[in-house]
Amino acid sequence: MFSSSVADAPQIREPLHAPVAHLIRGGVVEGIHYGSVVVLDTDGKVQLQIGDIEAAFYPRSALKPVQAVAMVRAGLPLDGELLSLAAASHSGEERHIAGVRRILGLAGLTEDHLRNVPDMPFDPVVRDTWVREGREPSRLAQNCSGKHAAMLYTCKLNGWSLDDYLDPAHPLQQAIAEIVEDLTGQRIAQVTVDGCGAPLFSVSLHGLARAGARITTAVDGTPEARVADAMRMYAETASGAGRDVAALMHAVPGLLAKDGFEGVQVAALPDGRAVAVKIADGASRARIPVTAAGLARAGVEPELLTEFTGEPLLGGGEPVGCVRAVRALDPVPLGACA
């Protein structure tokens, strides 16, 4: 299905994005979200593409399942909820923080060993509670703390140094880079620093979709399958209560989905069908409607996707429009729009 060879790195250029979603208010196109979308079929071939799916870009946290696979391949023994947390962009709920402490405890480490950036919880309700209680930003509460705790645990198991685990030249990051290239099927174009402080690898949108499909089609018991199973079973651990990406995994049987900052989304099914989305302006409001339309084009039953057509636009407190995928992606709209 997928070639085992690794292609050259994608070209670093200004992406040739195209319209992927319209902001409709009162039947008039009020705004346009540009971006790129790729839909893969069960053979890994491109079924549909809009925009620029081959330019180098940063997948942001949508790459976390790949990073988790790399750590499992390097000996990380987590499964279930804690493995889902290792691939999470969590909301900072108490259960997430408790899970991070459990991972650190298994490694014989503490919060002081983390090198991610201290932050308030991602979930606005949880964050407001922290503010009312006078709590300070925390490395544990930061949405990538599960990944960082798992990175430290992987280093401890392999006898690798801990203080510099975020250095791109560190054995851990070199091992992750190797798996990024393996699963995306292409060389890394550029390495920079993600918001949490970890190395961030630039691939193409096409490569991200390939990686998602490689993970979901893997044989049971493999690192890829273990990560996919954990994230699907514990979708709220990989995200948070009420998060759209968790709801999407619950709605579509077998779907693995991971979002990333700046309007990135990857979603893949066990038979290899996959969708990857990049919204050019980083708008999250267009991410899910465009992803849902891509999944419908991939053959997912539309009735499973109706709740993901986007939140309504309000006028005077009443719905007067919506964010809708462009007709080239969604010829028969999943939901009604004023």
Protein backbone atom coordinates (compact mmCIF):
# COMPACT_ATOMS: atom_id res chain seq x y z
CA MET A 1 0.00 0.00 0.00
CA PHE A 2 2.69 2.47 1.04
CA SER A 3 6.21 2.67 -0.33
CA SER A 4 9.01 1.93 2.13
CA SER A 5 11.35 4.36 0.35
CA VAL A 6 11.90 7.88 1.64
CA ALA A 7 11.50 10.70 -0.87
CA ASP A 8 13.37 13.98 -0.92
CA ALA A 9 12.33 16.71 1.50
CA PRO A 10 9.41 18.90 0.38
CA GLN A 11 10.32 22.28 -1.05
CA ILE A 12 10.36 25.25 1.30
CA ARG A 13 8.28 27.88 -0.47
CA GLU A 14 5.24 30.08 -0.03
CA PRO A 15 2.38 27.56 -0.15
CA LEU A 16 -0.06 27.96 -3.01
CA HIS A 17 -3.15 27.76 -0.83
CA ALA A 18 -6.66 27.89 -2.28
CA PRO A 19 -10.11 28.67 -0.87
CA VAL A 20 -11.25 25.79 1.34
CA ALA A 21 -14.09 27.36 3.35
CA HIS A 22 -16.56 30.19 2.96
CA LEU A 23 -17.94 32.32 5.74
CA ILE A 24 -21.62 32.60 4.80
CA ARG A 25 -23.77 35.27 6.43
CA GLY A 26 -27.34 35.73 5.25
CA GLY A 27 -26.62 33.88 2.01
CA VAL A 28 -23.64 36.09 1.13
CA VAL A 29 -19.97 35.04 1.19
CA GLU A 30 -18.65 37.38 3.88
CA GLY A 31 -15.18 35.85 4.15
CA ILE A 32 -12.94 33.16 2.72
CA HIS A 33 -10.54 30.84 4.52
CA TYR A 34 -7.65 29.69 2.34
CA GLY A 35 -5.74 26.50 2.95
CA SER A 36 -4.89 23.08 1.60
CA VAL A 37 -6.56 19.67 1.85
CA VAL A 38 -5.53 16.19 0.81
CA VAL A 39 -7.72 13.07 0.82
CA LEU A 40 -6.07 9.66 0.41
CA ASP A 41 -7.86 6.48 -0.69
CA THR A 42 -7.30 2.99 0.71
CA ASP A 43 -4.31 2.47 -1.59
CA GLY A 44 -2.60 5.61 -0.36
CA LYS A 45 -3.27 7.44 -3.60
CA VAL A 46 -4.45 11.04 -3.68
CA GLN A 47 -8.21 10.99 -4.20
CA LEU A 48 -8.61 14.75 -3.88
CA GLN A 49 -6.32 17.70 -3.36
CA ILE A 50 -7.00 21.40 -2.95
CA GLY A 51 -4.27 23.97 -2.58
CA ASP A 52 -0.64 23.01 -2.04
CA ILE A 53 -0.19 19.59 -0.44
CA GLU A 54 3.51 19.21 -1.28
CA ALA A 55 5.06 22.40 0.14
CA ALA A 56 6.95 22.15 3.42
CA PHE A 57 4.87 23.12 6.44
CA TYR A 58 4.84 22.52 10.19
CA PRO A 59 2.24 19.97 11.37
CA ARG A 60 2.51 21.31 14.92
CA SER A 61 0.77 18.97 17.40
CA ALA A 62 -0.80 16.90 14.63
CA LEU A 63 2.60 15.19 14.54
CA LYS A 64 2.29 13.93 18.12
CA PRO A 65 1.01 10.45 17.19
CA VAL A 66 4.17 10.02 15.09
CA GLN A 67 6.34 11.19 17.98
CA ALA A 68 4.56 8.74 20.27
CA VAL A 69 5.18 5.88 17.82
CA ALA A 70 8.87 6.78 17.81
CA MET A 71 9.01 6.65 21.59
CA VAL A 72 7.24 3.27 21.71
CA ARG A 73 9.70 1.96 19.13
CA ALA A 74 12.46 3.20 21.44
CA GLY A 75 11.08 1.16 24.33
CA LEU A 76 8.41 3.34 25.96
CA PRO A 77 6.22 0.72 27.73
CA LEU A 78 3.05 2.80 28.08
CA ASP A 79 -0.34 1.69 26.82
CA GLY A 80 -3.92 2.79 27.17
CA GLU A 81 -4.63 6.10 28.88
CA LEU A 82 -1.02 7.01 29.58
CA LEU A 83 0.04 6.33 25.99
CA SER A 84 -2.84 8.48 24.79
CA LEU A 85 -1.55 11.21 27.09
CA ALA A 86 1.92 10.85 25.54
CA ALA A 87 0.34 11.87 22.20
CA ALA A 88 -1.95 14.50 23.70
CA SER A 89 -2.61 18.18 23.38
CA HIS A 90 -4.55 18.00 26.62
CA SER A 91 -6.82 20.54 28.24
CA GLY A 92 -5.07 20.71 31.59
CA GLU A 93 -7.83 18.96 33.49
CA GLU A 94 -6.88 17.38 36.82
CA ARG A 95 -6.94 13.90 35.28
CA HIS A 96 -4.43 15.03 32.67
CA ILE A 97 -2.13 16.48 35.31
CA ALA A 98 -2.46 13.33 37.41
CA GLY A 99 -1.58 11.20 34.38
CA VAL A 100 1.54 13.23 33.68
CA ARG A 101 2.60 12.74 37.29
CA ARG A 102 2.07 8.99 36.87
CA ILE A 103 4.34 8.88 33.80
CA LEU A 104 7.01 10.87 35.62
CA GLY A 105 6.64 8.60 38.65
CA LEU A 106 7.18 5.49 36.51
CA ALA A 107 10.42 7.07 35.35
CA GLY A 108 11.44 8.03 38.88
CA LEU A 109 11.29 11.71 37.92
CA THR A 110 9.40 14.83 38.98
CA GLU A 111 7.91 17.96 37.46
CA ASP A 112 11.29 19.65 37.89
CA HIS A 113 12.72 17.47 35.13
CA LEU A 114 10.24 18.81 32.55
CA ARG A 115 11.56 21.36 30.06
CA ASN A 116 8.29 22.39 28.43
CA VAL A 117 7.08 25.97 28.87
CA PRO A 118 4.93 26.64 31.96
CA ASP A 119 1.39 27.60 31.00
CA MET A 120 -2.17 27.79 32.23
CA PRO A 121 -4.59 24.99 31.27
CA PHE A 122 -5.79 25.05 27.64
CA ASP A 123 -9.46 24.56 28.53
CA PRO A 124 -10.99 28.02 29.17
CA VAL A 125 -13.23 26.81 32.01
CA VAL A 126 -10.36 25.04 33.76
CA ARG A 127 -8.11 28.06 33.14
CA ASP A 128 -10.67 30.44 34.65
CA THR A 129 -10.85 28.22 37.74
CA TRP A 130 -7.07 28.39 38.08
CA VAL A 131 -7.18 32.18 37.83
CA ARG A 132 -9.88 32.44 40.49
CA GLU A 133 -7.85 30.18 42.77
CA GLY A 134 -4.70 32.23 42.21
CA ARG A 135 -2.77 29.30 40.73
CA GLU A 136 0.31 30.00 38.64
CA PRO A 137 1.28 28.67 35.18
CA SER A 138 2.63 25.13 35.44
CA ARG A 139 4.68 22.78 33.28
CA LEU A 140 2.23 20.04 34.25
CA ALA A 141 -0.76 22.05 33.05
CA GLN A 142 0.80 22.98 29.70
CA ASN A 143 -0.93 21.02 26.94
CA CYS A 144 2.20 19.14 25.82
CA SER A 145 3.27 17.90 29.26
CA GLY A 146 2.25 14.31 28.52
CA LYS A 147 4.56 14.22 25.52
CA HIS A 148 7.40 15.73 27.52
CA ALA A 149 6.94 13.28 30.40
CA ALA A 150 6.97 10.40 27.91
CA MET A 151 10.12 11.81 26.29
CA LEU A 152 11.84 11.87 29.66
CA TYR A 153 10.70 8.31 30.45
CA THR A 154 12.03 7.14 27.08
CA CYS A 155 15.37 8.81 27.80
CA LYS A 156 15.57 7.24 31.26
CA LEU A 157 14.92 3.76 29.86
CA ASN A 158 17.62 4.17 27.22
CA GLY A 159 20.22 5.74 29.49
CA TRP A 160 20.10 9.01 27.54
CA SER A 161 20.77 12.36 29.18
CA LEU A 162 17.77 14.20 30.59
CA ASP A 163 18.71 17.87 30.82
CA ASP A 164 19.13 18.29 27.04
CA TYR A 165 16.36 15.99 25.81
CA LEU A 166 14.94 18.83 23.66
CA ASP A 167 18.15 19.35 21.70
CA PRO A 168 17.58 18.28 18.07
CA ALA A 169 20.94 16.47 18.23
CA HIS A 170 19.86 14.43 21.27
CA PRO A 171 19.49 10.65 20.65
CA LEU A 172 15.77 10.86 21.45
CA GLN A 173 15.10 13.61 18.92
CA GLN A 174 17.24 11.86 16.33
CA ALA A 175 15.17 8.70 16.86
CA ILE A 176 11.94 10.71 16.50
CA ALA A 177 13.21 12.39 13.32
CA GLU A 178 13.97 8.98 11.83
CA ILE A 179 10.40 7.78 12.44
CA VAL A 180 8.95 11.04 11.12
CA GLU A 181 10.76 10.38 7.85
CA ASP A 182 9.77 6.72 7.87
CA LEU A 183 6.04 7.31 8.40
CA THR A 184 5.68 10.41 6.23
CA GLY A 185 7.78 8.83 3.48
CA GLN A 186 9.94 11.92 2.97
CA ARG A 187 12.98 13.68 4.34
CA ILE A 188 12.47 16.45 6.87
CA ALA A 189 12.73 19.86 5.21
CA GLN A 190 13.46 21.99 8.26
CA VAL A 191 13.71 21.74 12.04
CA THR A 192 12.59 24.50 14.38
CA VAL A 193 11.18 24.80 17.91
CA ASP A 194 7.52 24.16 18.68
CA GLY A 195 5.57 26.26 21.14
CA CYS A 196 6.30 23.82 23.99
CA GLY A 197 10.05 23.89 23.33
CA ALA A 198 10.38 20.52 21.58
CA PRO A 199 11.89 20.17 18.10
CA LEU A 200 9.34 20.58 15.32
CA PHE A 201 9.88 18.85 12.00
CA SER A 202 8.68 20.26 8.68
CA VAL A 203 7.15 17.83 6.18
CA SER A 204 4.35 18.20 3.62
CA LEU A 205 0.61 17.96 4.16
CA HIS A 206 0.67 14.91 1.90
CA GLY A 207 3.34 13.39 4.14
CA LEU A 208 1.25 14.03 7.26
CA ALA A 209 -1.72 12.23 5.69
CA ARG A 210 0.55 9.31 4.76
CA ALA A 211 1.80 9.09 8.33
CA GLY A 212 -1.75 9.00 9.67
CA ALA A 213 -2.64 6.20 7.29
CA ARG A 214 0.54 4.27 8.12
CA ILE A 215 -0.36 4.40 11.81
CA THR A 216 -4.00 3.31 11.42
CA THR A 217 -3.27 0.46 8.99
CA ALA A 218 -0.49 -1.07 11.09
CA VAL A 219 -0.73 -4.64 12.36
CA ASP A 220 -2.13 -5.17 15.85
CA GLY A 221 0.49 -4.99 18.56
CA THR A 222 2.90 -2.80 16.65
CA PRO A 223 3.91 0.58 18.10
CA GLU A 224 1.72 2.29 15.50
CA ALA A 225 -1.34 0.22 16.40
CA ARG A 226 -0.73 0.68 20.12
CA VAL A 227 -0.72 4.47 19.72
CA ALA A 228 -3.81 4.46 17.51
CA ASP A 229 -5.72 2.16 19.87
CA ALA A 230 -4.80 4.24 22.92
CA MET A 231 -5.85 7.54 21.34
CA ARG A 232 -9.13 6.15 20.02
CA MET A 233 -10.04 4.47 23.32
CA TYR A 234 -9.05 7.46 25.44
CA ALA A 235 -9.97 10.29 23.10
CA GLU A 236 -10.60 12.78 25.92
CA THR A 237 -7.17 12.01 27.37
CA ALA A 238 -5.58 12.90 24.04
CA SER A 239 -7.55 16.17 24.04
CA GLY A 240 -10.13 17.03 26.67
CA ALA A 241 -13.78 17.04 27.65
CA GLY A 242 -15.92 18.70 25.00
CA ARG A 243 -13.09 18.98 22.46
CA ASP A 244 -14.08 18.59 18.80
CA VAL A 245 -11.29 16.15 17.95
CA ALA A 246 -12.46 13.73 20.66
CA ALA A 247 -16.07 14.03 19.49
CA LEU A 248 -14.97 13.30 15.93
CA MET A 249 -13.23 10.09 16.99
CA HIS A 250 -16.31 9.00 18.93
CA ALA A 251 -18.61 9.76 15.98
CA VAL A 252 -16.67 7.91 13.26
CA PRO A 253 -15.87 4.27 14.11
CA GLY A 254 -12.16 3.50 13.97
CA LEU A 255 -11.11 7.07 13.23
CA LEU A 256 -7.83 8.42 14.57
CA ALA A 257 -7.78 12.23 14.62
CA LYS A 258 -5.24 14.75 15.89
CA ASP A 259 -5.37 18.51 15.69
CA GLY A 260 -2.53 21.03 15.77
CA PHE A 261 -2.21 24.76 16.31
CA GLU A 262 -2.43 27.05 13.29
CA GLY A 263 -5.35 25.20 11.72
CA VAL A 264 -3.85 21.73 11.23
CA GLN A 265 -5.80 18.48 11.36
CA VAL A 266 -5.10 14.89 10.39
CA ALA A 267 -7.69 12.10 10.43
CA ALA A 268 -7.23 8.50 9.29
CA LEU A 269 -9.31 5.34 9.13
CA PRO A 270 -8.19 1.72 9.66
CA ASP A 271 -8.45 0.94 5.93
CA GLY A 272 -5.94 3.67 5.01
CA ARG A 273 -8.29 6.47 4.00
CA ALA A 274 -6.92 9.70 5.38
CA VAL A 275 -7.48 13.44 5.36
CA ALA A 276 -5.03 16.20 6.23
CA VAL A 277 -5.96 19.88 6.47
CA LYS A 278 -4.05 23.11 6.86
CA ILE A 279 -5.98 26.37 7.24
CA ALA A 280 -3.69 29.13 5.99
CA ASP A 281 -4.66 31.76 8.54
CA GLY A 282 -4.63 29.26 11.41
CA ALA A 283 -8.35 29.65 12.08
CA SER A 284 -9.68 26.79 14.14
CA ARG A 285 -13.28 27.56 13.14
CA ALA A 286 -12.60 26.32 9.59
CA ARG A 287 -10.53 23.29 10.61
CA ILE A 288 -13.31 20.90 11.61
CA PRO A 289 -15.88 21.74 8.86
CA VAL A 290 -13.18 21.29 6.22
CA THR A 291 -12.00 18.04 7.83
CA ALA A 292 -15.56 16.71 7.98
CA ALA A 293 -16.08 17.52 4.31
CA GLY A 294 -12.82 15.75 3.49
CA LEU A 295 -13.94 12.66 5.42
CA ALA A 296 -17.24 12.68 3.53
CA ARG A 297 -15.30 12.79 0.26
CA ALA A 298 -13.27 9.83 1.56
CA GLY A 299 -16.50 7.87 1.93
CA VAL A 300 -17.49 8.36 5.57
CA GLU A 301 -21.28 8.32 5.93
CA PRO A 302 -22.44 11.96 5.97
CA GLU A 303 -24.90 11.39 8.81
CA LEU A 304 -21.93 10.63 11.08
CA LEU A 305 -20.50 14.07 10.35
CA THR A 306 -23.47 16.41 10.65
CA GLU A 307 -22.41 17.80 14.05
CA PHE A 308 -19.05 18.85 12.60
CA THR A 309 -20.29 21.30 9.99
CA GLY A 310 -19.17 24.24 12.10
CA GLU A 311 -20.69 26.50 14.71
CA PRO A 312 -23.34 28.90 13.41
CA LEU A 313 -22.63 32.58 12.86
CA LEU A 314 -24.90 34.72 15.00
CA GLY A 315 -26.73 37.93 14.25
CA GLY A 316 -28.72 39.47 17.07
CA GLY A 317 -28.14 36.28 19.00
CA GLU A 318 -29.72 34.09 16.30
CA PRO A 319 -28.04 31.87 13.67
CA VAL A 320 -27.67 33.73 10.37
CA GLY A 321 -24.91 31.78 8.68
CA CYS A 322 -22.04 29.34 9.01
CA VAL A 323 -18.53 28.37 7.95
CA ARG A 324 -18.95 25.97 5.03
CA ALA A 325 -16.42 23.97 3.04
CA VAL A 326 -16.14 25.11 -0.58
CA ARG A 327 -18.15 23.26 -3.21
CA ALA A 328 -15.03 21.68 -4.70
CA LEU A 329 -14.58 19.84 -1.42
CA ASP A 330 -18.20 19.50 -0.35
CA PRO A 331 -20.45 19.47 -3.46
CA VAL A 332 -23.46 18.44 -1.35
CA PRO A 333 -23.09 20.42 1.91
CA LEU A 334 -23.21 18.32 5.07
CA GLY A 335 -25.33 20.92 6.85
CA ALA A 336 -27.75 23.69 6.05
CA CYS A 337 -26.43 27.23 6.00
CA ALA A 338 -28.45 30.44 5.98
